[in-house]
C-alpha cells in the first residue's frame, strides 16, 4: 500500500482525503441544518470553522491531485460510467470551494447578495452527489462494487 496513487489504485493519502472530506461535509450540513432550525443554539462559529476546514481540505485535495496521477480506470467501467464519475468528481470538488467561500463571505459581510449563489451551490451539490452516489451504489447493488472498493482501501 503506497501513499501515492498508481497502477495499484488509490494511495492511502487520496483515500484519507476523500473520507475526511466526506466527514467534514456531513458534519457541516448537520450543523447548518441544526443551526437553521434552532435559534437558541449558538453554533455559528462551529459552522464557520467547518466551512474554513472544508476550504483547506479542498486546497489540499487539489494540491495532492496535481502531485500524484490518478490510477487507471477500473476495467469494468463503461465509457459512460467513466464520464459520469469524472464529471461528478470535478463538480463536487469545485463546489467544495464555492459553498464554503460564499458562506464565509456572507457571514463576514452581512450582505445577502451572495445568498442565491450559496443556495444554488447547495442544490447543485446535492444533485451532483445523488448522481455520484447513484453510480457508486448502483454498481454495488448490481454486484459490481469496484468504485466503492477502490475508495475503501489501498491495494
Foldseek 3Di string as FASTA:
>chain_A
DAQFAEQQFHHPVLLVLVVVLVVLVVVLVVLVVVVVVDVVDDCVVVNLVSLVVLQVSLVVNVVRCVVGPGHDDDPPDDPVLVVLLVVLVVLLSVLSNQQSVLVVCCVVPVDCPCVVVNVVSVVVNVVSVVSNCCSQVVCVVVVRNVVVVSSVDGD
